[in-house]
Amino acid sequence: MPRSTTDIIRHAEELADLIESDDVTLDRAPPEVARAYKELLAAVIERGKAEEDVMRAVAELRRVGGSWNLIGPALGVSRQSARERYALVDESD
């Protein structure tokens, strides 16, 4: 089951905090593992940022009158799926 957008963003924020802390050390890991791990963390953080951008864009489109029939296909899902996933950002319903 896909995680909610809130979960994705929260996870990205937790990873950003983790990177800044000393909780994870890769001192004994081979350099290629450390590099790949850092790339993974960076990608997850970027995914969280992208999800925030999508949420803002959906909210703005709804604010100016955009329909779920327009939003769903843009996201690659049905209008109902889009509405279920992003209903919390939509204050016009």
PDB file of N, CA and C in Angstrom:
ATOM      1  N   MET A   1       0.850  -1.182   0.000  1.00  0.00           N
ATOM      2  CA  MET A   1       0.000   0.000   0.000  1.00  0.00           C
ATOM      3  C   MET A   1       0.893   1.242   0.000  1.00  0.00           C
ATOM      4  N   PRO A   2       0.623   2.200  -0.874  1.00  0.00           N
ATOM      5  CA  PRO A   2       1.477   3.389  -0.920  1.00  0.00           C
ATOM      6  C   PRO A   2       1.345   4.227   0.345  1.00  0.00           C
ATOM      7  N   ARG A   3       2.439   4.808   0.723  1.00  0.00           N
ATOM      8  CA  ARG A   3       2.430   5.695   1.887  1.00  0.00           C
ATOM      9  C   ARG A   3       1.781   7.007   1.509  1.00  0.00           C
ATOM     10  N   SER A   4       1.286   7.689   2.523  1.00  0.00           N
ATOM     11  CA  SER A   4       0.661   8.982   2.269  1.00  0.00           C
ATOM     12  C   SER A   4       1.740  10.020   1.952  1.00  0.00           C
ATOM     13  N   THR A   5       1.315  11.118   1.368  1.00  0.00           N
ATOM     14  CA  THR A   5       2.257  12.194   1.067  1.00  0.00           C
ATOM     15  C   THR A   5       2.871  12.734   2.354  1.00  0.00           C
ATOM     16  N   THR A   6       2.077  12.780   3.404  1.00  0.00           N
ATOM     17  CA  THR A   6       2.596  13.250   4.691  1.00  0.00           C
ATOM     18  C   THR A   6       3.703  12.329   5.186  1.00  0.00           C
ATOM     19  N   ASP A   7       3.520  11.013   5.034  1.00  0.00           N
ATOM     20  CA  ASP A   7       4.543  10.053   5.449  1.00  0.00           C
ATOM     21  C   ASP A   7       5.831  10.229   4.643  1.00  0.00           C
ATOM     22  N   ILE A   8       5.688  10.440   3.343  1.00  0.00           N
ATOM     23  CA  ILE A   8       6.864  10.620   2.488  1.00  0.00           C
ATOM     24  C   ILE A   8       7.641  11.864   2.907  1.00  0.00           C
ATOM     25  N   ILE A   9       6.932  12.948   3.140  1.00  0.00           N
ATOM     26  CA  ILE A   9       7.593  14.194   3.537  1.00  0.00           C
ATOM     27  C   ILE A   9       8.232  14.046   4.911  1.00  0.00           C
ATOM     28  N   ARG A  10       7.523  13.445   5.848  1.00  0.00           N
ATOM     29  CA  ARG A  10       8.066  13.239   7.196  1.00  0.00           C
ATOM     30  C   ARG A  10       9.343  12.391   7.138  1.00  0.00           C
ATOM     31  N   HIS A  11       9.313  11.341   6.323  1.00  0.00           N
ATOM     32  CA  HIS A  11      10.491  10.486   6.187  1.00  0.00           C
ATOM     33  C   HIS A  11      11.674  11.256   5.615  1.00  0.00           C
ATOM     34  N   ALA A  12      11.424  12.083   4.619  1.00  0.00           N
ATOM     35  CA  ALA A  12      12.505  12.895   4.038  1.00  0.00           C
ATOM     36  C   ALA A  12      13.089  13.843   5.073  1.00  0.00           C
ATOM     37  N   GLU A  13      12.225  14.433   5.886  1.00  0.00           N
ATOM     38  CA  GLU A  13      12.716  15.337   6.932  1.00  0.00           C
ATOM     39  C   GLU A  13      13.534  14.576   7.967  1.00  0.00           C
ATOM     40  N   GLU A  14      13.096  13.373   8.320  1.00  0.00           N
ATOM     41  CA  GLU A  14      13.849  12.550   9.271  1.00  0.00           C
ATOM     42  C   GLU A  14      15.216  12.184   8.708  1.00  0.00           C
ATOM     43  N   LEU A  15      15.272  11.870   7.415  1.00  0.00           N
ATOM     44  CA  LEU A  15      16.555  11.540   6.793  1.00  0.00           C
ATOM     45  C   LEU A  15      17.477  12.752   6.745  1.00  0.00           C
ATOM     46  N   ALA A  16      16.919  13.904   6.473  1.00  0.00           N
ATOM     47  CA  ALA A  16      17.738  15.113   6.464  1.00  0.00           C
ATOM     48  C   ALA A  16      18.347  15.340   7.848  1.00  0.00           C
ATOM     49  N   ASP A  17      17.550  15.134   8.884  1.00  0.00           N
ATOM     50  CA  ASP A  17      18.060  15.263  10.252  1.00  0.00           C
ATOM     51  C   ASP A  17      19.123  14.205  10.531  1.00  0.00           C
ATOM     52  N   LEU A  18      18.890  12.992  10.039  1.00  0.00           N
ATOM     53  CA  LEU A  18      19.831  11.892  10.257  1.00  0.00           C
ATOM     54  C   LEU A  18      21.185  12.194   9.619  1.00  0.00           C
ATOM     55  N   ILE A  19      21.152  12.753   8.427  1.00  0.00           N
ATOM     56  CA  ILE A  19      22.399  13.089   7.733  1.00  0.00           C
ATOM     57  C   ILE A  19      23.202  14.104   8.535  1.00  0.00           C
ATOM     58  N   GLU A  20      22.501  15.038   9.173  1.00  0.00           N
ATOM     59  CA  GLU A  20      23.173  16.081   9.946  1.00  0.00           C
ATOM     60  C   GLU A  20      23.642  15.592  11.313  1.00  0.00           C
ATOM     61  N   SER A  21      23.127  14.450  11.757  1.00  0.00           N
ATOM     62  CA  SER A  21      23.516  13.919  13.065  1.00  0.00           C
ATOM     63  C   SER A  21      24.665  12.931  12.911  1.00  0.00           C
ATOM     64  N   ASP A  22      25.091  12.394  14.019  1.00  0.00           N
ATOM     65  CA  ASP A  22      26.153  11.386  14.011  1.00  0.00           C
ATOM     66  C   ASP A  22      25.597   9.994  14.293  1.00  0.00           C
ATOM     67  N   ASP A  23      24.286   9.814  14.131  1.00  0.00           N
ATOM     68  CA  ASP A  23      23.650   8.540  14.464  1.00  0.00           C
ATOM     69  C   ASP A  23      24.019   7.415  13.508  1.00  0.00           C
ATOM     70  N   VAL A  24      24.304   7.733  12.268  1.00  0.00           N
ATOM     71  CA  VAL A  24      24.662   6.704  11.292  1.00  0.00           C
ATOM     72  C   VAL A  24      26.099   6.933  10.879  1.00  0.00           C
ATOM     73  N   THR A  25      26.889   5.919  11.096  1.00  0.00           N
ATOM     74  CA  THR A  25      28.280   6.009  10.660  1.00  0.00           C
ATOM     75  C   THR A  25      28.551   4.899   9.662  1.00  0.00           C
ATOM     76  N   LEU A  26      29.298   5.229   8.674  1.00  0.00           N
ATOM     77  CA  LEU A  26      29.673   4.271   7.645  1.00  0.00           C
ATOM     78  C   LEU A  26      31.191   4.072   7.645  1.00  0.00           C
ATOM     79  N   ASP A  27      31.787   4.257   8.825  1.00  0.00           N
ATOM     80  CA  ASP A  27      33.244   4.184   8.932  1.00  0.00           C
ATOM     81  C   ASP A  27      33.801   2.852   8.436  1.00  0.00           C
ATOM     82  N   ARG A  28      33.085   1.787   8.698  1.00  0.00           N
ATOM     83  CA  ARG A  28      33.599   0.451   8.337  1.00  0.00           C
ATOM     84  C   ARG A  28      33.056  -0.045   7.004  1.00  0.00           C
ATOM     85  N   ALA A  29      32.201   0.725   6.390  1.00  0.00           N
ATOM     86  CA  ALA A  29      31.625   0.316   5.110  1.00  0.00           C
ATOM     87  C   ALA A  29      32.607   0.604   3.984  1.00  0.00           C
ATOM     88  N   PRO A  30      32.587  -0.241   2.963  1.00  0.00           N
ATOM     89  CA  PRO A  30      33.418   0.054   1.790  1.00  0.00           C
ATOM     90  C   PRO A  30      32.988   1.386   1.174  1.00  0.00           C
ATOM     91  N   PRO A  31      33.900   2.096   0.544  1.00  0.00           N
ATOM     92  CA  PRO A  31      33.576   3.415  -0.024  1.00  0.00           C
ATOM     93  C   PRO A  31      32.381   3.383  -0.967  1.00  0.00           C
ATOM     94  N   GLU A  32      32.249   2.325  -1.766  1.00  0.00           N
ATOM     95  CA  GLU A  32      31.132   2.265  -2.710  1.00  0.00           C
ATOM     96  C   GLU A  32      29.785   2.112  -1.984  1.00  0.00           C
ATOM     97  N   VAL A  33      29.774   1.457  -0.827  1.00  0.00           N
ATOM     98  CA  VAL A  33      28.551   1.337  -0.031  1.00  0.00           C
ATOM     99  C   VAL A  33      28.194   2.702   0.558  1.00  0.00           C
ATOM    100  N   ALA A  34      29.178   3.388   1.103  1.00  0.00           N
ATOM    101  CA  ALA A  34      28.936   4.709   1.681  1.00  0.00           C
ATOM    102  C   ALA A  34      28.421   5.670   0.619  1.00  0.00           C
ATOM    103  N   ARG A  35      29.018   5.638  -0.571  1.00  0.00           N
ATOM    104  CA  ARG A  35      28.589   6.512  -1.665  1.00  0.00           C
ATOM    105  C   ARG A  35      27.162   6.185  -2.079  1.00  0.00           C
ATOM    106  N   ALA A  36      26.871   4.909  -2.277  1.00  0.00           N
ATOM    107  CA  ALA A  36      25.527   4.497  -2.704  1.00  0.00           C
ATOM    108  C   ALA A  36      24.485   4.832  -1.636  1.00  0.00           C
ATOM    109  N   TYR A  37      24.847   4.675  -0.370  1.00  0.00           N
ATOM    110  CA  TYR A  37      23.921   4.992   0.726  1.00  0.00           C
ATOM    111  C   TYR A  37      23.603   6.482   0.740  1.00  0.00           C
ATOM    112  N   LYS A  38      24.630   7.298   0.565  1.00  0.00           N
ATOM    113  CA  LYS A  38      24.414   8.745   0.527  1.00  0.00           C
ATOM    114  C   LYS A  38      23.565   9.147  -0.670  1.00  0.00           C
ATOM    115  N   GLU A  39      23.745   8.479  -1.799  1.00  0.00           N
ATOM    116  CA  GLU A  39      22.922   8.757  -2.975  1.00  0.00           C
ATOM    117  C   GLU A  39      21.463   8.398  -2.712  1.00  0.00           C
ATOM    118  N   LEU A  40      21.245   7.273  -2.025  1.00  0.00           N
ATOM    119  CA  LEU A  40      19.887   6.871  -1.680  1.00  0.00           C
ATOM    120  C   LEU A  40      19.225   7.899  -0.766  1.00  0.00           C
ATOM    121  N   LEU A  41      19.929   8.321   0.273  1.00  0.00           N
ATOM    122  CA  LEU A  41      19.375   9.322   1.187  1.00  0.00           C
ATOM    123  C   LEU A  41      19.043  10.611   0.445  1.00  0.00           C
ATOM    124  N   ALA A  42      19.934  11.042  -0.430  1.00  0.00           N
ATOM    125  CA  ALA A  42      19.689  12.269  -1.183  1.00  0.00           C
ATOM    126  C   ALA A  42      18.456  12.122  -2.079  1.00  0.00           C
ATOM    127  N   ALA A  43      18.286  10.957  -2.697  1.00  0.00           N
ATOM    128  CA  ALA A  43      17.128  10.732  -3.564  1.00  0.00           C
ATOM    129  C   ALA A  43      15.833  10.744  -2.770  1.00  0.00           C
ATOM    130  N   VAL A  44      15.844  10.153  -1.583  1.00  0.00           N
ATOM    131  CA  VAL A  44      14.637  10.138  -0.750  1.00  0.00           C
ATOM    132  C   VAL A  44      14.285  11.551  -0.300  1.00  0.00           C
ATOM    133  N   ILE A  45      15.281  12.323   0.046  1.00  0.00           N
ATOM    134  CA  ILE A  45      15.042  13.717   0.433  1.00  0.00           C
ATOM    135  C   ILE A  45      14.467  14.497  -0.745  1.00  0.00           C
ATOM    136  N   GLU A  46      15.002  14.292  -1.942  1.00  0.00           N
ATOM    137  CA  GLU A  46      14.484  14.968  -3.132  1.00  0.00           C
ATOM    138  C   GLU A  46      13.046  14.551  -3.413  1.00  0.00           C
ATOM    139  N   ARG A  47      12.730  13.261  -3.195  1.00  0.00           N
ATOM    140  CA  ARG A  47      11.362  12.803  -3.388  1.00  0.00           C
ATOM    141  C   ARG A  47      10.418  13.537  -2.435  1.00  0.00           C
ATOM    142  N   GLY A  48      10.837  13.715  -1.205  1.00  0.00           N
ATOM    143  CA  GLY A  48      10.014  14.453  -0.245  1.00  0.00           C
ATOM    144  C   GLY A  48       9.791  15.886  -0.677  1.00  0.00           C
ATOM    145  N   LYS A  49      10.852  16.526  -1.168  1.00  0.00           N
ATOM    146  CA  LYS A  49      10.722  17.903  -1.654  1.00  0.00           C
ATOM    147  C   LYS A  49       9.789  17.961  -2.865  1.00  0.00           C
ATOM    148  N   ALA A  50       9.927  16.992  -3.767  1.00  0.00           N
ATOM    149  CA  ALA A  50       9.063  16.964  -4.948  1.00  0.00           C
ATOM    150  C   ALA A  50       7.607  16.758  -4.548  1.00  0.00           C
ATOM    151  N   GLU A  51       7.353  15.924  -3.565  1.00  0.00           N
ATOM    152  CA  GLU A  51       5.984  15.696  -3.111  1.00  0.00           C
ATOM    153  C   GLU A  51       5.398  16.969  -2.510  1.00  0.00           C
ATOM    154  N   GLU A  52       6.209  17.729  -1.791  1.00  0.00           N
ATOM    155  CA  GLU A  52       5.737  19.021  -1.277  1.00  0.00           C
ATOM    156  C   GLU A  52       5.364  19.953  -2.429  1.00  0.00           C
ATOM    157  N   ASP A  53       6.181  19.957  -3.483  1.00  0.00           N
ATOM    158  CA  ASP A  53       5.882  20.787  -4.653  1.00  0.00           C
ATOM    159  C   ASP A  53       4.572  20.360  -5.303  1.00  0.00           C
ATOM    160  N   VAL A  54       4.353  19.054  -5.423  1.00  0.00           N
ATOM    161  CA  VAL A  54       3.114  18.550  -6.009  1.00  0.00           C
ATOM    162  C   VAL A  54       1.927  18.962  -5.148  1.00  0.00           C
ATOM    163  N   MET A  55       2.060  18.835  -3.838  1.00  0.00           N
ATOM    164  CA  MET A  55       0.971  19.216  -2.944  1.00  0.00           C
ATOM    165  C   MET A  55       0.625  20.693  -3.100  1.00  0.00           C
ATOM    166  N   ARG A  56       1.635  21.532  -3.164  1.00  0.00           N
ATOM    167  CA  ARG A  56       1.392  22.970  -3.344  1.00  0.00           C
ATOM    168  C   ARG A  56       0.716  23.253  -4.687  1.00  0.00           C
ATOM    169  N   ALA A  57       1.171  22.560  -5.726  1.00  0.00           N
ATOM    170  CA  ALA A  57       0.600  22.778  -7.056  1.00  0.00           C
ATOM    171  C   ALA A  57      -0.859  22.308  -7.115  1.00  0.00           C
ATOM    172  N   VAL A  58      -1.152  21.178  -6.498  1.00  0.00           N
ATOM    173  CA  VAL A  58      -2.533  20.694  -6.455  1.00  0.00           C
ATOM    174  C   VAL A  58      -3.404  21.686  -5.693  1.00  0.00           C
ATOM    175  N   ALA A  59      -2.922  22.146  -4.561  1.00  0.00           N
ATOM    176  CA  ALA A  59      -3.697  23.105  -3.764  1.00  0.00           C
ATOM    177  C   ALA A  59      -3.960  24.379  -4.558  1.00  0.00           C
ATOM    178  N   GLU A  60      -2.956  24.862  -5.264  1.00  0.00           N
ATOM    179  CA  GLU A  60      -3.131  26.089  -6.056  1.00  0.00           C
ATOM    180  C   GLU A  60      -4.104  25.858  -7.204  1.00  0.00           C
ATOM    181  N   LEU A  61      -3.981  24.745  -7.886  1.00  0.00           N
ATOM    182  CA  LEU A  61      -4.885  24.456  -8.993  1.00  0.00           C
ATOM    183  C   LEU A  61      -6.324  24.339  -8.505  1.00  0.00           C
ATOM    184  N   ARG A  62      -6.522  23.704  -7.371  1.00  0.00           N
ATOM    185  CA  ARG A  62      -7.872  23.624  -6.803  1.00  0.00           C
ATOM    186  C   ARG A  62      -8.356  25.007  -6.380  1.00  0.00           C
ATOM    187  N   ARG A  63      -7.464  25.809  -5.816  1.00  0.00           N
ATOM    188  CA  ARG A  63      -7.836  27.151  -5.360  1.00  0.00           C
ATOM    189  C   ARG A  63      -8.355  28.012  -6.506  1.00  0.00           C
ATOM    190  N   VAL A  64      -7.743  27.858  -7.668  1.00  0.00           N
ATOM    191  CA  VAL A  64      -8.143  28.686  -8.815  1.00  0.00           C
ATOM    192  C   VAL A  64      -9.223  28.024  -9.665  1.00  0.00           C
ATOM    193  N   GLY A  65      -9.760  26.901  -9.187  1.00  0.00           N
ATOM    194  CA  GLY A  65     -10.897  26.287  -9.865  1.00  0.00           C
ATOM    195  C   GLY A  65     -10.614  25.053 -10.677  1.00  0.00           C
ATOM    196  N   GLY A  66      -9.399  24.538 -10.634  1.00  0.00           N
ATOM    197  CA  GLY A  66      -9.071  23.315 -11.373  1.00  0.00           C
ATOM    198  C   GLY A  66      -9.823  22.120 -10.805  1.00  0.00           C
ATOM    199  N   SER A  67     -10.286  21.246 -11.664  1.00  0.00           N
ATOM    200  CA  SER A  67     -11.068  20.089 -11.233  1.00  0.00           C
ATOM    201  C   SER A  67     -10.168  18.871 -11.013  1.00  0.00           C
ATOM    202  N   TRP A  68     -10.719  17.912 -10.295  1.00  0.00           N
ATOM    203  CA  TRP A  68     -10.009  16.645 -10.095  1.00  0.00           C
ATOM    204  C   TRP A  68      -9.893  15.900 -11.419  1.00  0.00           C
ATOM    205  N   ASN A  69     -10.814  16.155 -12.365  1.00  0.00           N
ATOM    206  CA  ASN A  69     -10.717  15.556 -13.698  1.00  0.00           C
ATOM    207  C   ASN A  69      -9.478  16.043 -14.436  1.00  0.00           C
ATOM    208  N   LEU A  70      -9.010  17.213 -14.109  1.00  0.00           N
ATOM    209  CA  LEU A  70      -7.797  17.775 -14.694  1.00  0.00           C
ATOM    210  C   LEU A  70      -6.559  17.287 -13.932  1.00  0.00           C
ATOM    211  N   ILE A  71      -6.661  17.251 -12.611  1.00  0.00           N
ATOM    212  CA  ILE A  71      -5.519  16.912 -11.759  1.00  0.00           C
ATOM    213  C   ILE A  71      -5.147  15.435 -11.870  1.00  0.00           C
ATOM    214  N   GLY A  72      -6.137  14.549 -11.816  1.00  0.00           N
ATOM    215  CA  GLY A  72      -5.862  13.110 -11.840  1.00  0.00           C
ATOM    216  C   GLY A  72      -4.976  12.683 -12.993  1.00  0.00           C
ATOM    217  N   PRO A  73      -5.366  12.968 -14.235  1.00  0.00           N
ATOM    218  CA  PRO A  73      -4.525  12.569 -15.369  1.00  0.00           C
ATOM    219  C   PRO A  73      -3.124  13.194 -15.343  1.00  0.00           C
ATOM    220  N   ALA A  74      -3.035  14.428 -14.840  1.00  0.00           N
ATOM    221  CA  ALA A  74      -1.716  15.060 -14.750  1.00  0.00           C
ATOM    222  C   ALA A  74      -0.799  14.285 -13.809  1.00  0.00           C
ATOM    223  N   LEU A  75      -1.407  13.661 -12.790  1.00  0.00           N
ATOM    224  CA  LEU A  75      -0.640  12.871 -11.834  1.00  0.00           C
ATOM    225  C   LEU A  75      -0.503  11.412 -12.267  1.00  0.00           C
ATOM    226  N   GLY A  76      -1.187  11.045 -13.341  1.00  0.00           N
ATOM    227  CA  GLY A  76      -1.126   9.673 -13.818  1.00  0.00           C
ATOM    228  C   GLY A  76      -2.040   8.726 -13.045  1.00  0.00           C
ATOM    229  N   VAL A  77      -3.091   9.292 -12.425  1.00  0.00           N
ATOM    230  CA  VAL A  77      -4.047   8.481 -11.667  1.00  0.00           C
ATOM    231  C   VAL A  77      -5.459   8.948 -12.015  1.00  0.00           C
ATOM    232  N   SER A  78      -6.447   8.234 -11.505  1.00  0.00           N
ATOM    233  CA  SER A  78      -7.829   8.651 -11.727  1.00  0.00           C
ATOM    234  C   SER A  78      -8.130   9.902 -10.910  1.00  0.00           C
ATOM    235  N   ARG A  79      -9.198  10.591 -11.272  1.00  0.00           N
ATOM    236  CA  ARG A  79      -9.593  11.777 -10.504  1.00  0.00           C
ATOM    237  C   ARG A  79      -9.909  11.396  -9.073  1.00  0.00           C
ATOM    238  N   GLN A  80     -10.533  10.225  -8.891  1.00  0.00           N
ATOM    239  CA  GLN A  80     -10.878   9.779  -7.547  1.00  0.00           C
ATOM    240  C   GLN A  80      -9.622   9.495  -6.724  1.00  0.00           C
ATOM    241  N   SER A  81      -8.639   8.849  -7.319  1.00  0.00           N
ATOM    242  CA  SER A  81      -7.384   8.576  -6.603  1.00  0.00           C
ATOM    243  C   SER A  81      -6.677   9.868  -6.221  1.00  0.00           C
ATOM    244  N   ALA A  82      -6.661  10.818  -7.143  1.00  0.00           N
ATOM    245  CA  ALA A  82      -6.035  12.116  -6.850  1.00  0.00           C
ATOM    246  C   ALA A  82      -6.757  12.802  -5.700  1.00  0.00           C
ATOM    247  N   ARG A  83      -8.064  12.775  -5.753  1.00  0.00           N
ATOM    248  CA  ARG A  83      -8.847  13.427  -4.700  1.00  0.00           C
ATOM    249  C   ARG A  83      -8.610  12.754  -3.350  1.00  0.00           C
ATOM    250  N   GLU A  84      -8.578  11.432  -3.332  1.00  0.00           N
ATOM    251  CA  GLU A  84      -8.335  10.715  -2.076  1.00  0.00           C
ATOM    252  C   GLU A  84      -6.956  11.041  -1.506  1.00  0.00           C
ATOM    253  N   ARG A  85      -5.973  11.114  -2.381  1.00  0.00           N
ATOM    254  CA  ARG A  85      -4.605  11.339  -1.915  1.00  0.00           C
ATOM    255  C   ARG A  85      -4.356  12.779  -1.483  1.00  0.00           C
ATOM    256  N   TYR A  86      -4.942  13.724  -2.191  1.00  0.00           N
ATOM    257  CA  TYR A  86      -4.642  15.136  -1.948  1.00  0.00           C
ATOM    258  C   TYR A  86      -5.806  15.916  -1.354  1.00  0.00           C
ATOM    259  N   ALA A  87      -6.819  15.238  -0.874  1.00  0.00           N
ATOM    260  CA  ALA A  87      -7.999  15.933  -0.335  1.00  0.00           C
ATOM    261  C   ALA A  87      -7.643  16.862   0.813  1.00  0.00           C
ATOM    262  N   LEU A  88      -6.660  16.505   1.612  1.00  0.00           N
ATOM    263  CA  LEU A  88      -6.308  17.349   2.754  1.00  0.00           C
ATOM    264  C   LEU A  88      -5.707  18.684   2.342  1.00  0.00           C
ATOM    265  N   VAL A  89      -5.108  18.754   1.166  1.00  0.00           N
ATOM    266  CA  VAL A  89      -4.542  20.023   0.720  1.00  0.00           C
ATOM    267  C   VAL A  89      -5.591  20.888   0.036  1.00  0.00           C
ATOM    268  N   ASP A  90      -6.741  20.280  -0.222  1.00  0.00           N
ATOM    269  CA  ASP A  90      -7.814  20.975  -0.927  1.00  0.00           C
ATOM    270  C   ASP A  90      -8.825  21.502   0.075  1.00  0.00           C
ATOM    271  N   GLU A  91      -8.841  22.801   0.251  1.00  0.00           N
ATOM    272  CA  GLU A  91      -9.771  23.405   1.195  1.00  0.00           C
ATOM    273  C   GLU A  91     -11.029  23.910   0.518  1.00  0.00           C
ATOM    274  N   SER A  92     -11.157  23.668  -0.787  1.00  0.00           N
ATOM    275  CA  SER A  92     -12.337  24.162  -1.489  1.00  0.00           C
ATOM    276  C   SER A  92     -13.483  23.162  -1.480  1.00  0.00           C
ATOM    277  N   ASP A  93     -13.228  21.922  -1.053  1.00  0.00           N
ATOM    278  CA  ASP A  93     -14.308  20.910  -0.984  1.00  0.00           C
ATOM    279  C   ASP A  93     -15.131  21.104   0.255  1.00  0.00           C
TER     280      ASP A  93
END
